[in-house]
N, C-alpha and C. Protein backbone atom coordinates (compact mmCIF):
# COMPACT_ATOMS: atom_id res chain seq x y z
N MET A 1 141.52 127.37 237.82
CA MET A 1 141.33 125.88 238.05
C MET A 1 142.58 125.60 238.58
N LEU A 2 143.87 126.68 238.33
CA LEU A 2 145.44 126.37 238.71
C LEU A 2 145.43 126.23 240.47
N ARG A 3 144.50 127.06 241.01
CA ARG A 3 144.62 127.51 242.28
C ARG A 3 143.55 126.29 243.09
N ASP A 4 142.44 125.49 242.32
CA ASP A 4 141.64 124.56 242.69
C ASP A 4 142.14 123.48 243.36
N GLU A 5 141.98 122.97 244.81
CA GLU A 5 142.43 122.00 245.21
C GLU A 5 142.06 120.83 244.69
N ARG A 6 140.86 120.86 244.12
CA ARG A 6 139.89 119.40 243.41
C ARG A 6 141.06 118.98 242.34
N PHE A 7 141.75 119.98 241.79
CA PHE A 7 142.58 119.64 240.52
C PHE A 7 143.87 119.72 240.79
N ALA A 8 144.38 119.96 241.86
CA ALA A 8 146.03 120.08 242.30
C ALA A 8 146.78 118.75 241.88
N SER A 9 146.15 117.87 242.04
CA SER A 9 147.05 116.60 241.70
C SER A 9 146.49 115.63 240.69
N ASN A 10 146.92 114.85 240.28
CA ASN A 10 146.42 113.86 239.45
C ASN A 10 145.19 113.02 240.40
N ALA A 11 145.70 112.82 241.38
CA ALA A 11 144.84 112.13 242.21
C ALA A 11 143.27 112.69 242.39
N ALA A 12 143.79 113.92 242.51
CA ALA A 12 142.44 114.96 242.75
C ALA A 12 141.55 114.89 241.84
N ARG A 13 142.37 115.16 240.75
CA ARG A 13 141.66 115.49 239.47
C ARG A 13 140.91 114.16 239.29
N MET A 14 141.25 112.89 239.27
CA MET A 14 140.54 111.86 239.05
C MET A 14 139.34 111.66 240.12
N LYS A 15 139.60 112.02 241.02
CA LYS A 15 138.55 111.79 242.38
C LYS A 15 137.40 113.02 241.73
N ASN A 16 138.00 114.03 241.22
CA ASN A 16 136.96 115.37 240.97
C ASN A 16 136.80 115.13 239.50
N ARG A 17 136.66 114.17 238.61
CA ARG A 17 136.91 114.14 237.47
C ARG A 17 135.33 114.71 236.51
N GLU A 18 134.21 114.59 237.35
CA GLU A 18 132.85 114.99 236.79
C GLU A 18 132.98 116.42 236.93
N ALA A 19 133.35 117.15 237.47
CA ALA A 19 133.66 118.55 237.86
C ALA A 19 134.76 119.15 236.99
N LEU A 20 135.80 118.55 236.93
CA LEU A 20 137.00 118.80 236.19
C LEU A 20 136.23 118.83 234.51
N VAL A 21 135.74 117.89 234.13
CA VAL A 21 135.23 117.70 232.70
C VAL A 21 134.31 118.89 232.46
N ALA A 22 133.24 119.23 233.57
CA ALA A 22 132.34 120.02 233.29
C ALA A 22 133.44 121.70 232.92
N GLU A 23 134.09 122.01 233.81
CA GLU A 23 134.84 123.22 233.89
C GLU A 23 135.33 123.12 232.39
N MET A 24 136.35 122.40 232.15
CA MET A 24 137.11 122.24 230.91
C MET A 24 135.91 122.34 229.81
N SER A 25 134.89 121.68 229.59
CA SER A 25 133.88 121.71 228.53
C SER A 25 133.54 123.24 228.08
N ALA A 26 133.58 123.69 229.55
CA ALA A 26 132.79 125.02 229.67
C ALA A 26 133.68 126.04 228.55
N ALA A 27 135.02 125.84 229.16
CA ALA A 27 135.87 126.69 228.97
C ALA A 27 136.29 126.58 227.33
N LEU A 28 136.30 125.11 226.99
CA LEU A 28 136.57 124.95 225.51
C LEU A 28 135.43 125.34 224.52
N LYS A 29 134.30 125.59 225.26
CA LYS A 29 133.40 126.36 224.14
C LYS A 29 133.37 127.60 223.65
N GLN A 30 134.33 128.13 224.33
CA GLN A 30 134.62 129.83 224.32
C GLN A 30 135.08 130.14 223.30
N ARG A 31 135.77 128.98 222.24
CA ARG A 31 136.58 129.42 221.04
C ARG A 31 136.59 127.84 220.38
N THR A 32 136.34 128.30 218.99
CA THR A 32 136.49 127.50 218.11
C THR A 32 137.70 126.30 218.04
N THR A 33 137.39 125.37 217.26
CA THR A 33 138.46 124.21 217.46
C THR A 33 139.34 124.72 216.63
N ASP A 34 139.94 125.53 215.70
CA ASP A 34 140.71 125.86 214.86
C ASP A 34 141.50 126.81 215.75
N GLU A 35 140.77 127.96 216.59
CA GLU A 35 141.36 128.67 217.47
C GLU A 35 141.90 128.08 218.45
N TRP A 36 141.43 127.03 219.20
CA TRP A 36 142.27 126.25 220.21
C TRP A 36 143.51 125.44 219.50
N VAL A 37 143.17 124.65 218.45
CA VAL A 37 144.46 124.25 217.94
C VAL A 37 145.51 125.21 217.73
N THR A 38 145.11 126.50 217.31
CA THR A 38 146.28 127.66 217.06
C THR A 38 146.91 127.58 218.48
N ALA A 39 146.25 128.23 219.57
CA ALA A 39 146.55 128.29 220.76
C ALA A 39 147.45 127.34 221.21
N PHE A 40 146.89 126.39 221.30
CA PHE A 40 147.85 124.97 221.87
C PHE A 40 148.90 124.95 221.24
N GLU A 41 149.50 124.89 219.72
CA GLU A 41 150.34 124.88 218.87
C GLU A 41 151.18 126.36 219.40
N LEU A 42 150.79 127.37 219.50
CA LEU A 42 151.48 128.61 220.00
C LEU A 42 151.91 128.32 221.37
N ALA A 43 151.36 127.59 222.16
CA ALA A 43 152.14 127.41 223.34
C ALA A 43 152.89 126.05 223.55
N GLY A 44 152.98 125.41 222.28
CA GLY A 44 153.75 124.13 222.41
C GLY A 44 153.43 122.90 223.09
N VAL A 45 151.98 122.76 223.28
CA VAL A 45 151.29 121.73 223.45
C VAL A 45 150.88 120.85 222.17
N PRO A 46 151.35 119.92 222.22
CA PRO A 46 150.56 118.87 220.70
C PRO A 46 149.45 118.78 221.01
N ALA A 47 148.45 119.06 219.98
CA ALA A 47 146.99 118.79 219.99
C ALA A 47 146.65 118.95 218.33
N GLY A 48 145.31 118.17 218.23
CA GLY A 48 144.82 118.50 216.88
C GLY A 48 143.14 118.29 217.21
N PRO A 49 142.41 118.78 216.15
CA PRO A 49 140.99 118.21 216.22
C PRO A 49 141.00 117.05 216.12
N VAL A 50 139.66 116.59 216.84
CA VAL A 50 139.12 115.08 216.68
C VAL A 50 138.15 115.40 215.25
N LYS A 51 138.30 114.68 214.48
CA LYS A 51 137.39 114.88 212.93
C LYS A 51 136.51 113.66 212.88
N THR A 52 135.49 114.24 212.20
CA THR A 52 134.32 113.12 211.86
C THR A 52 135.09 112.26 210.73
N MET A 53 134.61 110.93 210.52
CA MET A 53 134.97 110.02 209.59
C MET A 53 135.07 110.84 208.09
N THR A 54 133.86 111.74 207.80
CA THR A 54 133.94 112.52 206.67
C THR A 54 135.03 113.14 206.24
N GLN A 55 135.55 113.88 207.58
CA GLN A 55 136.48 115.25 207.32
C GLN A 55 137.81 114.39 207.09
N VAL A 56 137.93 112.87 208.05
CA VAL A 56 139.42 112.44 207.75
C VAL A 56 139.37 111.96 205.99
N LEU A 57 138.06 111.44 205.59
CA LEU A 57 138.33 111.06 204.13
C LEU A 57 138.41 112.11 203.47
N GLU A 58 138.06 113.49 203.55
CA GLU A 58 138.19 114.32 202.94
C GLU A 58 139.53 114.93 203.14
N ASP A 59 140.16 114.75 203.86
CA ASP A 59 141.79 115.61 204.27
C ASP A 59 142.67 115.31 202.98
N PRO A 60 143.44 116.32 202.51
CA PRO A 60 144.21 116.12 201.53
C PRO A 60 145.13 115.58 201.76
N GLN A 61 145.69 115.49 203.17
CA GLN A 61 146.68 114.19 203.30
C GLN A 61 146.47 113.01 202.95
N VAL A 62 145.02 112.43 203.50
CA VAL A 62 144.49 111.14 203.22
C VAL A 62 144.64 111.10 201.59
N HIS A 63 144.55 111.75 200.92
CA HIS A 63 144.42 111.28 199.19
C HIS A 63 146.01 111.52 198.94
N VAL A 64 146.58 112.04 199.26
CA VAL A 64 148.11 112.38 198.75
C VAL A 64 148.63 111.16 199.22
N ARG A 65 148.47 110.68 200.57
CA ARG A 65 149.26 109.27 200.95
C ARG A 65 148.57 107.89 200.39
N GLU A 66 147.38 108.16 199.63
CA GLU A 66 146.96 107.11 198.84
C GLU A 66 146.28 106.24 200.32
N MET A 67 145.66 106.97 201.34
CA MET A 67 144.91 105.87 202.42
C MET A 67 143.49 105.52 201.88
N VAL A 68 142.89 106.00 201.09
CA VAL A 68 141.49 105.28 200.29
C VAL A 68 141.88 105.17 198.78
N ILE A 69 141.70 104.00 198.55
CA ILE A 69 142.11 103.74 197.08
C ILE A 69 140.85 102.69 196.69
N ASP A 70 140.49 102.93 194.96
CA ASP A 70 139.50 101.92 194.65
C ASP A 70 140.25 100.85 194.20
N VAL A 71 139.13 99.60 194.86
CA VAL A 71 139.68 98.12 194.11
C VAL A 71 138.13 97.46 193.48
N GLU A 72 138.69 96.44 193.03
CA GLU A 72 137.29 95.66 192.46
C GLU A 72 137.25 94.72 193.32
N HIS A 73 135.81 94.21 194.04
CA HIS A 73 135.00 93.11 194.60
C HIS A 73 134.48 92.23 193.50
N PRO A 74 134.72 91.01 193.71
CA PRO A 74 133.94 90.30 192.66
C PRO A 74 132.63 90.24 192.76
N ARG A 75 132.09 91.08 194.00
CA ARG A 75 130.43 91.10 193.96
C ARG A 75 129.79 92.26 194.12
N ALA A 76 130.53 93.14 194.74
CA ALA A 76 130.40 94.51 194.66
C ALA A 76 130.65 95.67 193.49
N GLY A 77 131.92 95.16 192.59
CA GLY A 77 132.30 95.91 191.66
C GLY A 77 133.03 96.78 192.14
N HIS A 78 133.49 98.09 191.95
CA HIS A 78 134.26 98.97 192.45
C HIS A 78 133.91 99.45 193.64
N VAL A 79 135.09 99.19 194.66
CA VAL A 79 134.51 100.22 195.98
C VAL A 79 135.99 100.75 196.66
N ALA A 80 135.64 101.53 197.25
CA ALA A 80 136.45 102.28 197.99
C ALA A 80 137.44 101.30 199.27
N ALA A 81 138.56 101.26 199.44
CA ALA A 81 139.00 100.36 200.66
C ALA A 81 140.32 101.56 200.95
N LEU A 82 140.60 101.07 202.32
CA LEU A 82 141.69 101.90 202.80
C LEU A 82 143.04 101.28 202.29
N GLY A 83 143.70 102.22 202.12
CA GLY A 83 145.38 101.90 201.75
C GLY A 83 146.15 101.57 202.83
N CYS A 84 147.33 101.15 202.44
CA CYS A 84 148.25 100.66 203.03
C CYS A 84 149.10 101.84 203.99
N PRO A 85 149.17 102.33 204.97
CA PRO A 85 149.99 103.17 205.70
C PRO A 85 151.41 103.10 205.62
N VAL A 86 151.96 101.95 205.36
CA VAL A 86 153.21 101.96 205.23
C VAL A 86 153.52 101.94 203.66
N LYS A 87 154.37 102.80 202.99
CA LYS A 87 154.92 103.15 201.76
C LYS A 87 156.21 102.53 201.54
N PHE A 88 156.12 101.69 200.19
CA PHE A 88 157.62 101.35 199.61
C PHE A 88 158.04 102.41 198.71
N SER A 89 159.46 101.95 198.55
CA SER A 89 160.11 102.84 197.23
C SER A 89 159.69 102.50 195.99
N ARG A 90 159.08 101.25 195.55
CA ARG A 90 158.35 100.69 194.50
C ARG A 90 156.99 100.33 195.05
N GLY A 91 156.07 101.03 194.01
CA GLY A 91 154.58 100.43 194.63
C GLY A 91 153.90 100.83 195.99
N ASN A 92 152.79 100.88 195.76
CA ASN A 92 152.21 101.18 196.99
C ASN A 92 151.78 100.29 198.09
N GLY A 93 152.22 99.03 198.18
CA GLY A 93 152.19 97.93 198.95
C GLY A 93 150.65 97.50 198.82
N VAL A 94 149.88 97.35 198.30
CA VAL A 94 148.37 97.37 198.20
C VAL A 94 147.97 96.67 197.06
N THR A 95 147.30 95.77 197.23
CA THR A 95 146.67 95.07 196.36
C THR A 95 145.48 95.69 195.62
N SER A 96 145.02 95.21 194.16
CA SER A 96 144.37 96.26 193.46
C SER A 96 143.05 95.11 193.91
N ARG A 97 142.66 94.23 194.51
CA ARG A 97 141.61 93.37 194.65
C ARG A 97 140.89 93.91 195.73
N GLY A 98 139.64 93.69 195.80
CA GLY A 98 138.69 93.80 197.07
C GLY A 98 139.07 92.75 197.96
N ALA A 99 138.63 92.71 199.46
CA ALA A 99 138.59 91.59 200.20
C ALA A 99 138.10 90.44 199.76
N PRO A 100 138.83 89.34 200.12
CA PRO A 100 138.16 87.84 199.56
C PRO A 100 136.91 87.72 200.13
N LEU A 101 136.05 86.71 199.24
CA LEU A 101 134.90 86.24 199.60
C LEU A 101 135.16 85.17 200.91
N TYR A 102 134.51 84.94 201.58
CA TYR A 102 134.51 83.92 202.86
C TYR A 102 134.78 82.50 202.27
N GLY A 103 136.10 82.04 202.18
CA GLY A 103 136.52 80.96 201.86
C GLY A 103 137.24 80.97 200.40
N GLU A 104 137.47 82.36 199.68
CA GLU A 104 137.87 82.06 198.62
C GLU A 104 139.24 81.43 198.70
N HIS A 105 140.04 81.54 199.42
CA HIS A 105 141.22 81.03 199.22
C HIS A 105 141.59 79.86 199.99
N THR A 106 140.73 79.49 200.51
CA THR A 106 140.70 78.11 201.47
C THR A 106 141.57 76.89 200.81
N VAL A 107 140.97 76.65 199.62
CA VAL A 107 141.98 75.48 198.96
C VAL A 107 143.39 75.91 198.57
N GLU A 108 143.61 77.18 198.14
CA GLU A 108 144.78 77.70 197.75
C GLU A 108 145.89 77.49 199.06
N VAL A 109 145.35 77.80 200.12
CA VAL A 109 146.28 78.05 201.34
C VAL A 109 146.36 76.51 202.02
N MET A 110 145.31 75.96 201.83
CA MET A 110 145.31 74.22 202.54
C MET A 110 146.49 73.69 201.38
N ARG A 111 146.19 73.99 200.08
CA ARG A 111 147.56 73.16 199.28
C ARG A 111 148.78 73.68 199.47
N GLU A 112 149.01 74.92 199.72
CA GLU A 112 150.25 75.57 200.23
C GLU A 112 150.68 74.69 201.42
N LEU A 113 149.87 74.37 202.22
CA LEU A 113 150.24 73.52 203.64
C LEU A 113 150.36 72.01 203.30
N GLY A 114 150.40 71.66 202.03
CA GLY A 114 150.39 69.97 201.85
C GLY A 114 149.22 69.73 202.00
N TYR A 115 148.04 69.99 201.92
CA TYR A 115 146.84 69.12 201.77
C TYR A 115 146.42 68.65 200.70
N GLN A 116 146.32 67.61 200.29
CA GLN A 116 145.64 67.02 198.94
C GLN A 116 144.11 67.22 198.69
N GLN A 117 143.82 67.57 197.66
CA GLN A 117 142.56 67.90 197.09
C GLN A 117 141.40 66.74 197.72
N GLY A 118 141.57 65.62 198.02
CA GLY A 118 140.79 64.69 198.73
C GLY A 118 140.69 65.00 200.33
N GLU A 119 141.49 65.26 200.99
CA GLU A 119 141.78 65.90 202.16
C GLU A 119 140.91 67.29 202.33
N ILE A 120 141.25 67.95 201.42
CA ILE A 120 140.67 69.38 201.40
C ILE A 120 138.94 69.11 201.24
N ASP A 121 138.43 68.10 200.15
CA ASP A 121 137.23 67.89 199.98
C ASP A 121 136.46 67.25 201.10
N ARG A 122 137.24 66.32 201.81
CA ARG A 122 136.63 66.00 203.26
C ARG A 122 136.54 66.62 204.24
N LEU A 123 137.44 67.35 204.52
CA LEU A 123 137.30 68.35 205.53
C LEU A 123 135.86 69.66 205.16
N ALA A 124 135.84 70.08 203.75
CA ALA A 124 134.55 70.71 203.67
C ALA A 124 133.56 70.06 203.70
N ALA A 125 133.43 68.99 202.97
CA ALA A 125 132.21 68.21 203.23
C ALA A 125 131.66 67.85 204.73
N ALA A 126 132.70 67.60 205.68
CA ALA A 126 132.72 67.78 206.99
C ALA A 126 132.27 69.01 207.84
N ARG A 127 132.60 70.12 206.87
CA ARG A 127 132.21 71.90 207.50
C ARG A 127 133.33 71.80 208.36
N ALA A 128 134.54 71.22 208.50
CA ALA A 128 135.40 71.78 209.12
C ALA A 128 136.34 73.09 208.48
N VAL A 129 136.06 73.01 207.29
CA VAL A 129 136.46 73.98 206.61
C VAL A 129 135.29 74.84 205.54
N HIS A 130 135.54 76.22 205.33
CA HIS A 130 134.76 76.60 203.98
C HIS A 130 135.50 76.85 202.97
N VAL A 131 134.89 76.13 201.88
CA VAL A 131 135.59 76.06 200.47
C VAL A 131 134.48 77.12 199.54
N HIS A 132 134.83 78.28 199.38
CA HIS A 132 133.87 79.18 198.57
C HIS A 132 133.82 78.62 196.97
N VAL A 133 132.28 78.88 196.79
CA VAL A 133 132.06 78.16 195.14
C VAL A 133 131.55 78.99 194.37
N ASP A 134 132.14 79.70 193.51
CA ASP A 134 131.33 80.98 192.66
C ASP A 134 130.74 80.06 191.68
N ALA A 135 129.18 80.12 191.61
CA ALA A 135 128.79 79.45 190.60
C ALA A 135 128.90 80.54 188.97
N SER A 136 129.38 81.61 188.95
CA SER A 136 129.63 82.24 187.88
C SER A 136 131.09 81.73 187.40
N LEU A 137 131.58 80.85 187.99
CA LEU A 137 133.10 81.09 187.57
C LEU A 137 132.86 79.10 186.82
N PRO A 138 133.77 78.69 185.74
CA PRO A 138 134.00 77.63 185.46
C PRO A 138 134.27 76.51 186.16
N PRO A 139 133.71 74.99 186.39
CA PRO A 139 134.24 74.38 187.27
C PRO A 139 136.08 74.43 187.40
N SER A 140 136.44 74.15 188.80
CA SER A 140 138.07 73.76 189.00
C SER A 140 138.05 72.59 188.04
N PRO A 141 139.65 72.59 187.53
CA PRO A 141 139.88 71.44 186.87
C PRO A 141 140.05 70.14 188.13
N PRO A 142 140.19 68.85 187.39
CA PRO A 142 140.18 67.76 188.68
C PRO A 142 141.39 67.86 189.44
N ALA A 143 141.45 67.28 190.76
CA ALA A 143 142.57 67.62 191.56
C ALA A 143 143.85 67.15 190.68
N ALA A 144 143.69 65.99 190.10
CA ALA A 144 145.00 65.51 189.45
C ALA A 144 145.57 66.44 188.64
N ALA A 145 145.08 67.22 187.92
CA ALA A 145 145.53 68.18 186.82
C ALA A 145 145.90 69.38 187.43
N LEU A 146 145.72 69.37 188.80
CA LEU A 146 146.68 70.91 189.57
C LEU A 146 147.76 70.43 190.03
N SER A 147 148.41 71.63 189.94
CA SER A 147 149.94 71.12 190.69
C SER A 147 149.53 71.44 191.92
N VAL A 148 150.71 70.65 192.93
CA VAL A 148 150.50 71.15 194.40
C VAL A 148 151.73 71.94 194.83
């Protein structure tokens, strides 16, 4: 392939991409992934295997870095979730809660933005915003009883 004019420049390789892929695929099938990774590393070529999701989730580094964590979801119970890749000196930077339900924090966020309960209720009634209502929870206290 080093002396093949079809692959002598990037432009030529792109023009003959189908042939290049066919030849490289045939060559790469001659060894296992682990053998190729070792050969590339010895040659100073940065390389690594493309893993399936199962292989990724079973990788020891994924567990050491806490990249899969167990969280509590209000409907699904305990579920596996992705951990935060950024680690801090204290804590792992991840909440122990699952993903919020649709509209679960609408009222809280709107209050932080200065909306009054009446405005929130009006926007929810007009379907401009969605406010999640959990029938399993006791009703919220009247707006006057809540601090903004």
